Amino acid sequence: MSFECRVSNDDDNNSGITDPMPTQNIVELAQNTESLSSLVAALSLADKQDGSNLIATLSGDGPFTVFAPTNQAFSNLLAQLDGYDSLSDFDTAKGQMLLGLVLQYHVVAGAGVTSNQLSDNQEITTVQGERLMVDLTNGVYIEDATDVSAKVTTADVLATNGVVHVIDKVLIPQEVLDMLNQKTLVEILVGDNNFSILADVVVKTGLVETLSSDGPFTVFAPTNDAFVALLEDLGDDYNSLDDFDTEAEIDLLRNIVLYHAVSGNIYEADLSETTVETAFAGNNISVVMSGDTYVIQDATGAQANILITDVMASNGVAHVIDKVLLPN
């Protein structure tokens, strides 16, 4: 990463080096700054996910440049998010992943960059992978994937392993925006006319809450045509979903839906010749090769072609199939 040296336009007169002889690393500095306590809490929560070590990393040699949001910046963000009223609401696997991505978006590795090394319209690549843009038009601002920039309120706070710039907004990458705007698996089914029968079955069998929960789930979603073919195979007694009206018949439908759901995310790239356990306990489905592609085989030995893969949801992933799978 290269930086063009120039004088900062920070009108708040906060661009001077506040500690010419730093004695604390970036994490210690945040831990000892009251206005950054939410940032410290967010780092701790994000590190609860497997493989995350942000605190250890930012305590290491560096050098790093960190844009550090204040407590008020985190409060402002939480006020805008549905389902996240406090940082403690990020205690799920999904929440921890979101926090991790957001925090990585505030870190630049390999350089401790002071404000006089920033240039207008400069793009900076973050640890998360996306870029930030510098705006020096009227002060020092950092532009993220949203429409609102973050103002650098205190610049050039030196640490032993880098530089911290305090900002008044939590920066959000496009990846996280996309995830926050994603619909649940149920919402996707309800909103697509190609899956109206499956959506009706989910409602009829009381599985809306289950398939709207955090998951994650992988759902092999049969099309309407697949359900029509199933009803035709069942004969004259079952011409529509209305004919499934006894408790036993509704249980049968529920088990069929659960037979299409697998715990965890299985993306197209993860498909291989294997057997996976479905949410219908004790019943498995198989992924087998058919020519150059994979198909799904149910307990009867019948195979469903995968028509569309990797339909992303906020709580999992769906693959569209052309047949209703049947358990034993």
C-alpha atoms as a PDB file:
ATOM      1  CA  MET A   1       0.000   0.000   0.000  1.00  0.00           C
ATOM      2  CA  SER A   2       1.369   3.390  -0.931  1.00  0.00           C
ATOM      3  CA  PHE A   3       0.460   6.694   0.703  1.00  0.00           C
ATOM      4  CA  GLU A   4       0.897  10.152  -0.715  1.00  0.00           C
ATOM      5  CA  CYS A   5       2.154  12.531   1.959  1.00  0.00           C
ATOM      6  CA  ARG A   6       0.169  15.708   2.437  1.00  0.00           C
ATOM      7  CA  VAL A   7      -1.043  17.972   5.209  1.00  0.00           C
ATOM      8  CA  SER A   8      -4.324  16.946   6.841  1.00  0.00           C
ATOM      9  CA  ASN A   9      -7.355  19.223   6.596  1.00  0.00           C
ATOM     10  CA  ASP A  10      -8.640  18.191  10.049  1.00  0.00           C
ATOM     11  CA  ASP A  11     -10.340  21.391  11.223  1.00  0.00           C
ATOM     12  CA  ASP A  12     -10.805  19.982  14.726  1.00  0.00           C
ATOM     13  CA  ASN A  13      -7.089  20.407  15.384  1.00  0.00           C
ATOM     14  CA  ASN A  14      -6.890  16.760  16.458  1.00  0.00           C
ATOM     15  CA  SER A  15      -4.380  15.674  13.890  1.00  0.00           C
ATOM     16  CA  GLY A  16      -1.337  16.126  16.083  1.00  0.00           C
ATOM     17  CA  ILE A  17       0.429  13.121  17.568  1.00  0.00           C
ATOM     18  CA  THR A  18      -1.083  12.777  21.030  1.00  0.00           C
ATOM     19  CA  ASP A  19       1.565  10.485  22.518  1.00  0.00           C
ATOM     20  CA  PRO A  20       5.087  10.857  21.080  1.00  0.00           C
ATOM     21  CA  MET A  21       6.321   7.975  23.262  1.00  0.00           C
ATOM     22  CA  PRO A  22       3.615   5.300  23.065  1.00  0.00           C
ATOM     23  CA  THR A  23       3.719   2.594  25.726  1.00  0.00           C
ATOM     24  CA  GLN A  24       0.505   0.690  24.892  1.00  0.00           C
ATOM     25  CA  ASN A  25      -0.427  -1.467  21.946  1.00  0.00           C
ATOM     26  CA  ILE A  26      -3.689  -0.817  20.087  1.00  0.00           C
ATOM     27  CA  VAL A  27      -5.786  -3.145  22.242  1.00  0.00           C
ATOM     28  CA  GLU A  28      -4.354  -1.784  25.495  1.00  0.00           C
ATOM     29  CA  LEU A  29      -4.956   1.751  24.272  1.00  0.00           C
ATOM     30  CA  ALA A  30      -8.626   0.957  23.553  1.00  0.00           C
ATOM     31  CA  GLN A  31      -9.038  -0.836  26.879  1.00  0.00           C
ATOM     32  CA  ASN A  32      -7.792   2.245  28.700  1.00  0.00           C
ATOM     33  CA  THR A  33      -9.947   4.717  26.762  1.00  0.00           C
ATOM     34  CA  GLU A  34     -13.439   5.026  28.221  1.00  0.00           C
ATOM     35  CA  SER A  35     -15.021   6.214  24.976  1.00  0.00           C
ATOM     36  CA  LEU A  36     -13.806   3.044  23.201  1.00  0.00           C
ATOM     37  CA  SER A  37     -15.256   0.500  25.653  1.00  0.00           C
ATOM     38  CA  SER A  38     -17.882  -0.628  23.120  1.00  0.00           C
ATOM     39  CA  LEU A  39     -15.129  -1.323  20.609  1.00  0.00           C
ATOM     40  CA  VAL A  40     -13.357  -3.493  23.174  1.00  0.00           C
ATOM     41  CA  ALA A  41     -16.610  -5.351  23.922  1.00  0.00           C
ATOM     42  CA  ALA A  42     -17.208  -5.880  20.197  1.00  0.00           C
ATOM     43  CA  LEU A  43     -13.727  -7.333  19.748  1.00  0.00           C
ATOM     44  CA  SER A  44     -14.338  -9.773  22.596  1.00  0.00           C
ATOM     45  CA  LEU A  45     -17.684 -10.889  21.144  1.00  0.00           C
ATOM     46  CA  ALA A  46     -16.285 -11.344  17.647  1.00  0.00           C
ATOM     47  CA  ASP A  47     -13.460 -13.467  19.007  1.00  0.00           C
ATOM     48  CA  LYS A  48     -15.956 -15.997  20.380  1.00  0.00           C
ATOM     49  CA  GLN A  49     -16.391 -17.387  16.877  1.00  0.00           C
ATOM     50  CA  ASP A  50     -14.098 -20.228  15.885  1.00  0.00           C
ATOM     51  CA  GLY A  51     -10.886 -19.040  14.289  1.00  0.00           C
ATOM     52  CA  SER A  52     -11.250 -15.368  15.231  1.00  0.00           C
ATOM     53  CA  ASN A  53      -8.294 -13.793  17.038  1.00  0.00           C
ATOM     54  CA  LEU A  54      -8.721 -10.059  16.530  1.00  0.00           C
ATOM     55  CA  ILE A  55      -7.563  -9.129  20.040  1.00  0.00           C
ATOM     56  CA  ALA A  56      -4.420 -11.236  19.742  1.00  0.00           C
ATOM     57  CA  THR A  57      -3.729  -9.875  16.256  1.00  0.00           C
ATOM     58  CA  LEU A  58      -4.157  -6.230  17.248  1.00  0.00           C
ATOM     59  CA  SER A  59      -1.933  -6.858  20.253  1.00  0.00           C
ATOM     60  CA  GLY A  60       0.804  -8.193  17.965  1.00  0.00           C
ATOM     61  CA  ASP A  61       3.655  -6.506  16.176  1.00  0.00           C
ATOM     62  CA  GLY A  62       1.702  -4.874  13.377  1.00  0.00           C
ATOM     63  CA  PRO A  63       1.992  -2.232  12.200  1.00  0.00           C
ATOM     64  CA  PHE A  64      -1.731  -1.489  11.896  1.00  0.00           C
ATOM     65  CA  THR A  65      -3.902   1.508  11.211  1.00  0.00           C
ATOM     66  CA  VAL A  66      -7.198   1.293  13.080  1.00  0.00           C
ATOM     67  CA  PHE A  67     -10.244   3.507  12.640  1.00  0.00           C
ATOM     68  CA  ALA A  68     -11.811   3.238  16.097  1.00  0.00           C
ATOM     69  CA  PRO A  69     -15.548   4.000  16.482  1.00  0.00           C
ATOM     70  CA  THR A  70     -16.630   5.625  19.732  1.00  0.00           C
ATOM     71  CA  ASN A  71     -19.279   4.270  22.102  1.00  0.00           C
ATOM     72  CA  GLN A  72     -21.750   6.746  20.627  1.00  0.00           C
ATOM     73  CA  ALA A  73     -20.966   5.453  17.141  1.00  0.00           C
ATOM     74  CA  PHE A  74     -21.915   1.936  18.236  1.00  0.00           C
ATOM     75  CA  SER A  75     -25.097   3.244  19.914  1.00  0.00           C
ATOM     76  CA  ASN A  76     -26.064   5.020  16.702  1.00  0.00           C
ATOM     77  CA  LEU A  77     -25.547   1.822  14.699  1.00  0.00           C
ATOM     78  CA  LEU A  78     -27.594  -0.315  17.095  1.00  0.00           C
ATOM     79  CA  ALA A  79     -30.463   2.160  16.891  1.00  0.00           C
ATOM     80  CA  GLN A  80     -30.642   1.514  13.139  1.00  0.00           C
ATOM     81  CA  LEU A  81     -30.441  -2.297  13.193  1.00  0.00           C
ATOM     82  CA  ASP A  82     -33.465  -4.571  13.473  1.00  0.00           C
ATOM     83  CA  GLY A  83     -32.953  -7.351  15.991  1.00  0.00           C
ATOM     84  CA  TYR A  84     -29.761  -5.910  17.475  1.00  0.00           C
ATOM     85  CA  ASP A  85     -30.625  -3.619  20.383  1.00  0.00           C
ATOM     86  CA  SER A  86     -27.283  -4.053  22.155  1.00  0.00           C
ATOM     87  CA  LEU A  87     -23.913  -5.641  21.498  1.00  0.00           C
ATOM     88  CA  SER A  88     -25.003  -8.640  23.590  1.00  0.00           C
ATOM     89  CA  ASP A  89     -27.495  -9.475  20.813  1.00  0.00           C
ATOM     90  CA  PHE A  90     -24.515 -10.425  18.624  1.00  0.00           C
ATOM     91  CA  ASP A  91     -24.071 -13.593  20.688  1.00  0.00           C
ATOM     92  CA  THR A  92     -25.118 -16.000  17.918  1.00  0.00           C
ATOM     93  CA  ALA A  93     -22.740 -17.492  15.368  1.00  0.00           C
ATOM     94  CA  LYS A  94     -24.173 -15.185  12.726  1.00  0.00           C
ATOM     95  CA  GLY A  95     -23.876 -12.139  15.003  1.00  0.00           C
ATOM     96  CA  GLN A  96     -20.274 -12.920  15.866  1.00  0.00           C
ATOM     97  CA  MET A  97     -19.453 -13.359  12.186  1.00  0.00           C
ATOM     98  CA  LEU A  98     -21.081 -10.014  11.329  1.00  0.00           C
ATOM     99  CA  LEU A  99     -19.154  -8.247  14.092  1.00  0.00           C
ATOM    100  CA  GLY A 100     -15.925  -9.841  12.940  1.00  0.00           C
ATOM    101  CA  LEU A 101     -16.389  -8.634   9.378  1.00  0.00           C
ATOM    102  CA  VAL A 102     -17.320  -5.124  10.543  1.00  0.00           C
ATOM    103  CA  LEU A 103     -14.289  -4.871  12.835  1.00  0.00           C
ATOM    104  CA  GLN A 104     -11.895  -6.192  10.177  1.00  0.00           C
ATOM    105  CA  TYR A 105     -13.199  -3.403   7.938  1.00  0.00           C
ATOM    106  CA  HIS A 106     -11.748  -0.886  10.419  1.00  0.00           C
ATOM    107  CA  VAL A 107      -8.224  -2.300  10.242  1.00  0.00           C
ATOM    108  CA  VAL A 108      -5.443  -1.706   7.729  1.00  0.00           C
ATOM    109  CA  ALA A 109      -2.506  -4.084   8.058  1.00  0.00           C
ATOM    110  CA  GLY A 110       1.113  -3.445   7.184  1.00  0.00           C
ATOM    111  CA  ALA A 111       1.263   0.297   7.822  1.00  0.00           C
ATOM    112  CA  GLY A 112       0.789   2.759  10.649  1.00  0.00           C
ATOM    113  CA  VAL A 113      -0.615   5.699   8.718  1.00  0.00           C
ATOM    114  CA  THR A 114      -0.853   9.162  10.213  1.00  0.00           C
ATOM    115  CA  SER A 115      -3.252  11.792   8.946  1.00  0.00           C
ATOM    116  CA  ASN A 116      -0.614  13.753   7.018  1.00  0.00           C
ATOM    117  CA  GLN A 117      -0.017  10.623   4.914  1.00  0.00           C
ATOM    118  CA  LEU A 118      -3.610  10.557   3.671  1.00  0.00           C
ATOM    119  CA  SER A 119      -4.643  12.048   0.352  1.00  0.00           C
ATOM    120  CA  ASP A 120      -8.041  13.105  -0.930  1.00  0.00           C
ATOM    121  CA  ASN A 121      -9.957  10.301  -2.717  1.00  0.00           C
ATOM    122  CA  GLN A 122      -7.358   7.787  -1.608  1.00  0.00           C
ATOM    123  CA  GLU A 123      -8.594   4.189  -1.471  1.00  0.00           C
ATOM    124  CA  ILE A 124      -7.386   1.991   1.388  1.00  0.00           C
ATOM    125  CA  THR A 125      -7.741  -1.799   1.416  1.00  0.00           C
ATOM    126  CA  THR A 126      -8.833  -3.205   4.782  1.00  0.00           C
ATOM    127  CA  VAL A 127      -8.209  -6.560   6.437  1.00  0.00           C
ATOM    128  CA  GLN A 128     -11.830  -7.474   5.610  1.00  0.00           C
ATOM    129  CA  GLY A 129     -10.943  -7.130   1.917  1.00  0.00           C
ATOM    130  CA  GLU A 130     -13.071  -4.181   0.855  1.00  0.00           C
ATOM    131  CA  ARG A 131     -11.827  -0.626   0.486  1.00  0.00           C
ATOM    132  CA  LEU A 132     -12.378   2.627   2.335  1.00  0.00           C
ATOM    133  CA  MET A 133     -12.060   6.036   0.683  1.00  0.00           C
ATOM    134  CA  VAL A 134     -10.563   9.169   2.223  1.00  0.00           C
ATOM    135  CA  ASP A 135     -12.356  12.501   1.847  1.00  0.00           C
ATOM    136  CA  LEU A 136     -10.386  15.607   2.860  1.00  0.00           C
ATOM    137  CA  THR A 137     -12.812  18.163   1.463  1.00  0.00           C
ATOM    138  CA  ASN A 138     -13.756  19.646   4.835  1.00  0.00           C
ATOM    139  CA  GLY A 139     -11.885  17.806   7.542  1.00  0.00           C
ATOM    140  CA  VAL A 140     -10.922  14.130   7.500  1.00  0.00           C
ATOM    141  CA  TYR A 141     -13.733  11.740   6.571  1.00  0.00           C
ATOM    142  CA  ILE A 142     -13.725   8.019   5.811  1.00  0.00           C
ATOM    143  CA  GLU A 143     -16.261   6.709   3.298  1.00  0.00           C
ATOM    144  CA  ASP A 144     -17.646   3.165   3.602  1.00  0.00           C
ATOM    145  CA  ALA A 145     -20.303   1.261   1.622  1.00  0.00           C
ATOM    146  CA  THR A 146     -23.128   3.352   3.099  1.00  0.00           C
ATOM    147  CA  ASP A 147     -24.189   6.884   2.222  1.00  0.00           C
ATOM    148  CA  VAL A 148     -22.870   8.379   5.463  1.00  0.00           C
ATOM    149  CA  SER A 149     -19.158   9.011   6.012  1.00  0.00           C
ATOM    150  CA  ALA A 150     -17.322   8.727   9.318  1.00  0.00           C
ATOM    151  CA  LYS A 151     -15.562  11.824  10.630  1.00  0.00           C
ATOM    152  CA  VAL A 152     -12.129  11.471  12.201  1.00  0.00           C
ATOM    153  CA  THR A 153     -12.643  13.230  15.535  1.00  0.00           C
ATOM    154  CA  THR A 154      -9.216  12.438  17.001  1.00  0.00           C
ATOM    155  CA  ALA A 155      -6.372  11.595  14.660  1.00  0.00           C
ATOM    156  CA  ASP A 156      -2.900  10.124  15.098  1.00  0.00           C
ATOM    157  CA  VAL A 157      -3.181   8.380  18.457  1.00  0.00           C
ATOM    158  CA  LEU A 158       0.062   6.443  18.454  1.00  0.00           C
ATOM    159  CA  ALA A 159       0.401   2.922  19.809  1.00  0.00           C
ATOM    160  CA  THR A 160       3.453   0.695  20.003  1.00  0.00           C
ATOM    161  CA  ASN A 161       2.164  -1.306  17.046  1.00  0.00           C
ATOM    162  CA  GLY A 162       0.435   1.307  14.913  1.00  0.00           C
ATOM    163  CA  VAL A 163      -1.841   4.312  14.746  1.00  0.00           C
ATOM    164  CA  VAL A 164      -5.441   4.800  15.871  1.00  0.00           C
ATOM    165  CA  HIS A 165      -7.845   7.358  14.413  1.00  0.00           C
ATOM    166  CA  VAL A 166     -11.028   7.813  16.446  1.00  0.00           C
ATOM    167  CA  ILE A 167     -14.166   8.124  14.284  1.00  0.00           C
ATOM    168  CA  ASP A 168     -17.807   9.002  14.985  1.00  0.00           C
ATOM    169  CA  LYS A 169     -19.440   6.200  12.965  1.00  0.00           C
ATOM    170  CA  VAL A 170     -19.127   2.425  12.657  1.00  0.00           C
ATOM    171  CA  LEU A 171     -17.946   1.636   9.132  1.00  0.00           C
ATOM    172  CA  ILE A 172     -20.024  -0.993   7.290  1.00  0.00           C
ATOM    173  CA  PRO A 173     -18.713  -3.003   4.314  1.00  0.00           C
ATOM    174  CA  GLN A 174     -20.933  -4.015   1.400  1.00  0.00           C
ATOM    175  CA  GLU A 175     -20.620  -7.683   2.386  1.00  0.00           C
ATOM    176  CA  VAL A 176     -22.319  -6.982   5.712  1.00  0.00           C
ATOM    177  CA  LEU A 177     -24.963  -4.750   4.126  1.00  0.00           C
ATOM    178  CA  ASP A 178     -25.854  -7.602   1.783  1.00  0.00           C
ATOM    179  CA  MET A 179     -26.093 -10.037   4.687  1.00  0.00           C
ATOM    180  CA  LEU A 180     -28.259  -7.701   6.762  1.00  0.00           C
ATOM    181  CA  ASN A 181     -30.603  -7.163   3.819  1.00  0.00           C
ATOM    182  CA  GLN A 182     -30.965 -10.851   3.040  1.00  0.00           C
ATOM    183  CA  LYS A 183     -34.327 -12.514   3.583  1.00  0.00           C
ATOM    184  CA  THR A 184     -34.824 -15.664   5.630  1.00  0.00           C
ATOM    185  CA  LEU A 185     -35.404 -18.958   3.867  1.00  0.00           C
ATOM    186  CA  VAL A 186     -39.136 -18.694   4.588  1.00  0.00           C
ATOM    187  CA  GLU A 187     -39.313 -15.126   3.258  1.00  0.00           C
ATOM    188  CA  ILE A 188     -37.618 -16.250   0.042  1.00  0.00           C
ATOM    189  CA  LEU A 189     -40.132 -19.086  -0.407  1.00  0.00           C
ATOM    190  CA  VAL A 190     -43.126 -16.862   0.326  1.00  0.00           C
ATOM    191  CA  GLY A 191     -41.892 -14.172  -2.064  1.00  0.00           C
ATOM    192  CA  ASP A 192     -41.305 -16.481  -5.047  1.00  0.00           C
ATOM    193  CA  ASN A 193     -44.301 -17.844  -6.959  1.00  0.00           C
ATOM    194  CA  ASN A 194     -42.243 -20.843  -8.063  1.00  0.00           C
ATOM    195  CA  PHE A 195     -42.317 -22.111  -4.466  1.00  0.00           C
ATOM    196  CA  SER A 196     -45.855 -21.160  -3.427  1.00  0.00           C
ATOM    197  CA  ILE A 197     -46.825 -24.788  -2.699  1.00  0.00           C
ATOM    198  CA  LEU A 198     -43.728 -25.391  -0.578  1.00  0.00           C
ATOM    199  CA  ALA A 199     -44.432 -22.129   1.252  1.00  0.00           C
ATOM    200  CA  ASP A 200     -48.007 -23.259   1.899  1.00  0.00           C
ATOM    201  CA  VAL A 201     -46.747 -26.606   3.205  1.00  0.00           C
ATOM    202  CA  VAL A 202     -44.332 -24.848   5.574  1.00  0.00           C
ATOM    203  CA  VAL A 203     -47.206 -22.759   6.932  1.00  0.00           C
ATOM    204  CA  LYS A 204     -49.635 -25.717   7.127  1.00  0.00           C
ATOM    205  CA  THR A 205     -47.150 -27.846   9.066  1.00  0.00           C
ATOM    206  CA  GLY A 206     -46.153 -25.123  11.548  1.00  0.00           C
ATOM    207  CA  LEU A 207     -42.521 -24.921  10.416  1.00  0.00           C
ATOM    208  CA  VAL A 208     -42.388 -21.168   9.745  1.00  0.00           C
ATOM    209  CA  GLU A 209     -40.706 -20.357  13.052  1.00  0.00           C
ATOM    210  CA  THR A 210     -38.212 -23.217  12.716  1.00  0.00           C
ATOM    211  CA  LEU A 211     -37.081 -22.262   9.212  1.00  0.00           C
ATOM    212  CA  SER A 212     -36.997 -18.574  10.147  1.00  0.00           C
ATOM    213  CA  SER A 213     -34.636 -19.153  13.078  1.00  0.00           C
ATOM    214  CA  ASP A 214     -30.907 -18.464  12.992  1.00  0.00           C
ATOM    215  CA  GLY A 215     -29.945 -21.852  11.635  1.00  0.00           C
ATOM    216  CA  PRO A 216     -28.023 -21.998   9.449  1.00  0.00           C
ATOM    217  CA  PHE A 217     -29.882 -24.503   7.272  1.00  0.00           C
ATOM    218  CA  THR A 218     -29.437 -25.906   3.810  1.00  0.00           C
ATOM    219  CA  VAL A 219     -32.813 -26.449   2.144  1.00  0.00           C
ATOM    220  CA  PHE A 220     -33.341 -28.436  -1.038  1.00  0.00           C
ATOM    221  CA  ALA A 221     -36.433 -26.631  -2.295  1.00  0.00           C
ATOM    222  CA  PRO A 222     -38.833 -28.471  -4.660  1.00  0.00           C
ATOM    223  CA  THR A 223     -40.606 -26.341  -7.234  1.00  0.00           C
ATOM    224  CA  ASN A 224     -44.389 -26.156  -7.628  1.00  0.00           C
ATOM    225  CA  ASP A 225     -44.109 -28.563 -10.570  1.00  0.00           C
ATOM    226  CA  ALA A 226     -42.384 -31.055  -8.293  1.00  0.00           C
ATOM    227  CA  PHE A 227     -45.270 -30.919  -5.811  1.00  0.00           C
ATOM    228  CA  VAL A 228     -47.861 -31.224  -8.604  1.00  0.00           C
ATOM    229  CA  ALA A 229     -46.072 -34.360  -9.818  1.00  0.00           C
ATOM    230  CA  LEU A 230     -46.112 -35.774  -6.279  1.00  0.00           C
ATOM    231  CA  LEU A 231     -49.870 -35.185  -5.930  1.00  0.00           C
ATOM    232  CA  GLU A 232     -50.439 -36.904  -9.265  1.00  0.00           C
ATOM    233  CA  ASP A 233     -48.422 -39.911  -8.074  1.00  0.00           C
ATOM    234  CA  LEU A 234     -50.492 -40.125  -4.877  1.00  0.00           C
ATOM    235  CA  GLY A 235     -53.731 -40.664  -6.812  1.00  0.00           C
ATOM    236  CA  ASP A 236     -57.266 -39.342  -6.541  1.00  0.00           C
ATOM    237  CA  ASP A 237     -57.259 -39.076  -2.735  1.00  0.00           C
ATOM    238  CA  TYR A 238     -54.780 -36.178  -2.805  1.00  0.00           C
ATOM    239  CA  ASN A 239     -55.555 -33.530  -5.372  1.00  0.00           C
ATOM    240  CA  SER A 240     -54.337 -30.558  -3.312  1.00  0.00           C
ATOM    241  CA  LEU A 241     -52.871 -29.669   0.054  1.00  0.00           C
ATOM    242  CA  ASP A 242     -56.393 -29.348   1.425  1.00  0.00           C
ATOM    243  CA  ASP A 243     -56.711 -33.127   1.213  1.00  0.00           C
ATOM    244  CA  PHE A 244     -54.022 -33.451   3.889  1.00  0.00           C
ATOM    245  CA  ASP A 245     -56.398 -32.692   6.727  1.00  0.00           C
ATOM    246  CA  THR A 246     -55.845 -35.301   9.441  1.00  0.00           C
ATOM    247  CA  GLU A 247     -53.166 -34.986  12.103  1.00  0.00           C
ATOM    248  CA  ALA A 248     -51.338 -37.988  10.680  1.00  0.00           C
ATOM    249  CA  GLU A 249     -51.361 -36.529   7.162  1.00  0.00           C
ATOM    250  CA  ILE A 250     -50.072 -33.160   8.382  1.00  0.00           C
ATOM    251  CA  ASP A 251     -47.315 -34.962  10.290  1.00  0.00           C
ATOM    252  CA  LEU A 252     -46.439 -36.719   7.051  1.00  0.00           C
ATOM    253  CA  LEU A 253     -46.131 -33.384   5.249  1.00  0.00           C
ATOM    254  CA  ARG A 254     -44.038 -31.983   8.108  1.00  0.00           C
ATOM    255  CA  ASN A 255     -41.623 -34.904   7.910  1.00  0.00           C
ATOM    256  CA  ILE A 256     -41.348 -34.467   4.145  1.00  0.00           C
ATOM    257  CA  VAL A 257     -40.381 -30.789   4.604  1.00  0.00           C
ATOM    258  CA  LEU A 258     -37.873 -31.649   7.333  1.00  0.00           C
ATOM    259  CA  TYR A 259     -36.421 -34.281   4.998  1.00  0.00           C
ATOM    260  CA  HIS A 260     -35.406 -31.423   2.681  1.00  0.00           C
ATOM    261  CA  ALA A 261     -33.517 -29.504   5.396  1.00  0.00           C
ATOM    262  CA  VAL A 262     -29.964 -30.092   6.566  1.00  0.00           C
ATOM    263  CA  SER A 263     -28.235 -28.375   9.467  1.00  0.00           C
ATOM    264  CA  GLY A 264     -25.401 -26.065   8.408  1.00  0.00           C
ATOM    265  CA  ASN A 265     -24.496 -24.395   5.138  1.00  0.00           C
ATOM    266  CA  ILE A 266     -23.799 -26.692   2.195  1.00  0.00           C
ATOM    267  CA  TYR A 267     -22.882 -24.595  -0.831  1.00  0.00           C
ATOM    268  CA  GLU A 268     -22.449 -25.774  -4.412  1.00  0.00           C
ATOM    269  CA  ALA A 269     -18.685 -25.911  -3.870  1.00  0.00           C
ATOM    270  CA  ASP A 270     -19.240 -28.240  -0.890  1.00  0.00           C
ATOM    271  CA  LEU A 271     -21.325 -30.801  -2.765  1.00  0.00           C
ATOM    272  CA  SER A 272     -19.611 -34.152  -3.073  1.00  0.00           C
ATOM    273  CA  GLU A 273     -20.549 -37.808  -3.092  1.00  0.00           C
ATOM    274  CA  THR A 274     -21.684 -38.168   0.480  1.00  0.00           C
ATOM    275  CA  THR A 275     -24.621 -38.898   2.752  1.00  0.00           C
ATOM    276  CA  VAL A 276     -26.001 -36.174   5.005  1.00  0.00           C
ATOM    277  CA  GLU A 277     -28.449 -36.355   7.886  1.00  0.00           C
ATOM    278  CA  THR A 278     -31.603 -34.311   7.449  1.00  0.00           C
ATOM    279  CA  ALA A 279     -33.709 -32.491  10.024  1.00  0.00           C
ATOM    280  CA  PHE A 280     -36.120 -35.458   9.876  1.00  0.00           C
ATOM    281  CA  ALA A 281     -34.225 -37.456  12.505  1.00  0.00           C
ATOM    282  CA  GLY A 282     -32.810 -40.776  11.395  1.00  0.00           C
ATOM    283  CA  ASN A 283     -33.362 -40.142   7.702  1.00  0.00           C
ATOM    284  CA  ASN A 284     -30.548 -39.311   5.301  1.00  0.00           C
ATOM    285  CA  ILE A 285     -30.225 -38.096   1.764  1.00  0.00           C
ATOM    286  CA  SER A 286     -27.360 -38.819  -0.598  1.00  0.00           C
ATOM    287  CA  VAL A 287     -25.442 -36.581  -2.947  1.00  0.00           C
ATOM    288  CA  VAL A 288     -24.399 -38.584  -6.010  1.00  0.00           C
ATOM    289  CA  MET A 289     -22.851 -37.896  -9.373  1.00  0.00           C
ATOM    290  CA  SER A 290     -25.001 -37.898 -12.471  1.00  0.00           C
ATOM    291  CA  GLY A 291     -22.877 -37.160 -15.497  1.00  0.00           C
ATOM    292  CA  ASP A 292     -20.926 -34.003 -14.786  1.00  0.00           C
ATOM    293  CA  THR A 293     -23.229 -32.745 -12.052  1.00  0.00           C
ATOM    294  CA  TYR A 294     -24.448 -33.763  -8.609  1.00  0.00           C
ATOM    295  CA  VAL A 295     -28.001 -34.828  -7.891  1.00  0.00           C
ATOM    296  CA  ILE A 296     -29.857 -35.580  -4.655  1.00  0.00           C
ATOM    297  CA  GLN A 297     -31.050 -39.137  -4.002  1.00  0.00           C
ATOM    298  CA  ASP A 298     -33.788 -39.876  -1.479  1.00  0.00           C
ATOM    299  CA  ALA A 299     -34.515 -42.991   0.583  1.00  0.00           C
ATOM    300  CA  THR A 300     -36.515 -44.558  -2.266  1.00  0.00           C
ATOM    301  CA  GLY A 301     -33.549 -44.328  -4.616  1.00  0.00           C
ATOM    302  CA  ALA A 302     -35.218 -41.670  -6.753  1.00  0.00           C
ATOM    303  CA  GLN A 303     -33.080 -38.728  -7.788  1.00  0.00           C
ATOM    304  CA  ALA A 304     -33.802 -34.998  -7.913  1.00  0.00           C
ATOM    305  CA  ASN A 305     -31.903 -32.752 -10.265  1.00  0.00           C
ATOM    306  CA  ILE A 306     -30.433 -29.570  -8.784  1.00  0.00           C
ATOM    307  CA  LEU A 307     -31.778 -26.780 -10.990  1.00  0.00           C
ATOM    308  CA  ILE A 308     -30.366 -23.724  -9.196  1.00  0.00           C
ATOM    309  CA  THR A 309     -27.685 -23.648  -6.516  1.00  0.00           C
ATOM    310  CA  ASP A 310     -26.685 -21.241  -3.766  1.00  0.00           C
ATOM    311  CA  VAL A 311     -29.815 -19.151  -3.263  1.00  0.00           C
ATOM    312  CA  MET A 312     -28.486 -17.168  -0.315  1.00  0.00           C
ATOM    313  CA  ALA A 313     -30.615 -16.411   2.746  1.00  0.00           C
ATOM    314  CA  SER A 314     -29.867 -14.693   6.032  1.00  0.00           C
ATOM    315  CA  ASN A 315     -30.153 -18.026   7.850  1.00  0.00           C
ATOM    316  CA  GLY A 316     -28.779 -20.439   5.297  1.00  0.00           C
ATOM    317  CA  VAL A 317     -28.783 -21.429   1.661  1.00  0.00           C
ATOM    318  CA  ALA A 318     -31.288 -23.078  -0.690  1.00  0.00           C
ATOM    319  CA  HIS A 319     -30.849 -25.253  -3.758  1.00  0.00           C
ATOM    320  CA  VAL A 320     -33.787 -25.620  -6.149  1.00  0.00           C
ATOM    321  CA  ILE A 321     -34.673 -29.204  -7.101  1.00  0.00           C
ATOM    322  CA  ASP A 322     -37.181 -30.719  -9.520  1.00  0.00           C
ATOM    323  CA  LYS A 323     -38.597 -33.512  -7.329  1.00  0.00           C
ATOM    324  CA  VAL A 324     -40.043 -33.863  -3.848  1.00  0.00           C
ATOM    325  CA  LEU A 325     -37.726 -36.102  -1.837  1.00  0.00           C
ATOM    326  CA  LEU A 326     -39.376 -38.907   0.122  1.00  0.00           C
ATOM    327  CA  PRO A 327     -38.090 -40.475   3.355  1.00  0.00           C
ATOM    328  CA  ASN A 328     -38.740 -44.079   4.299  1.00  0.00           C
END
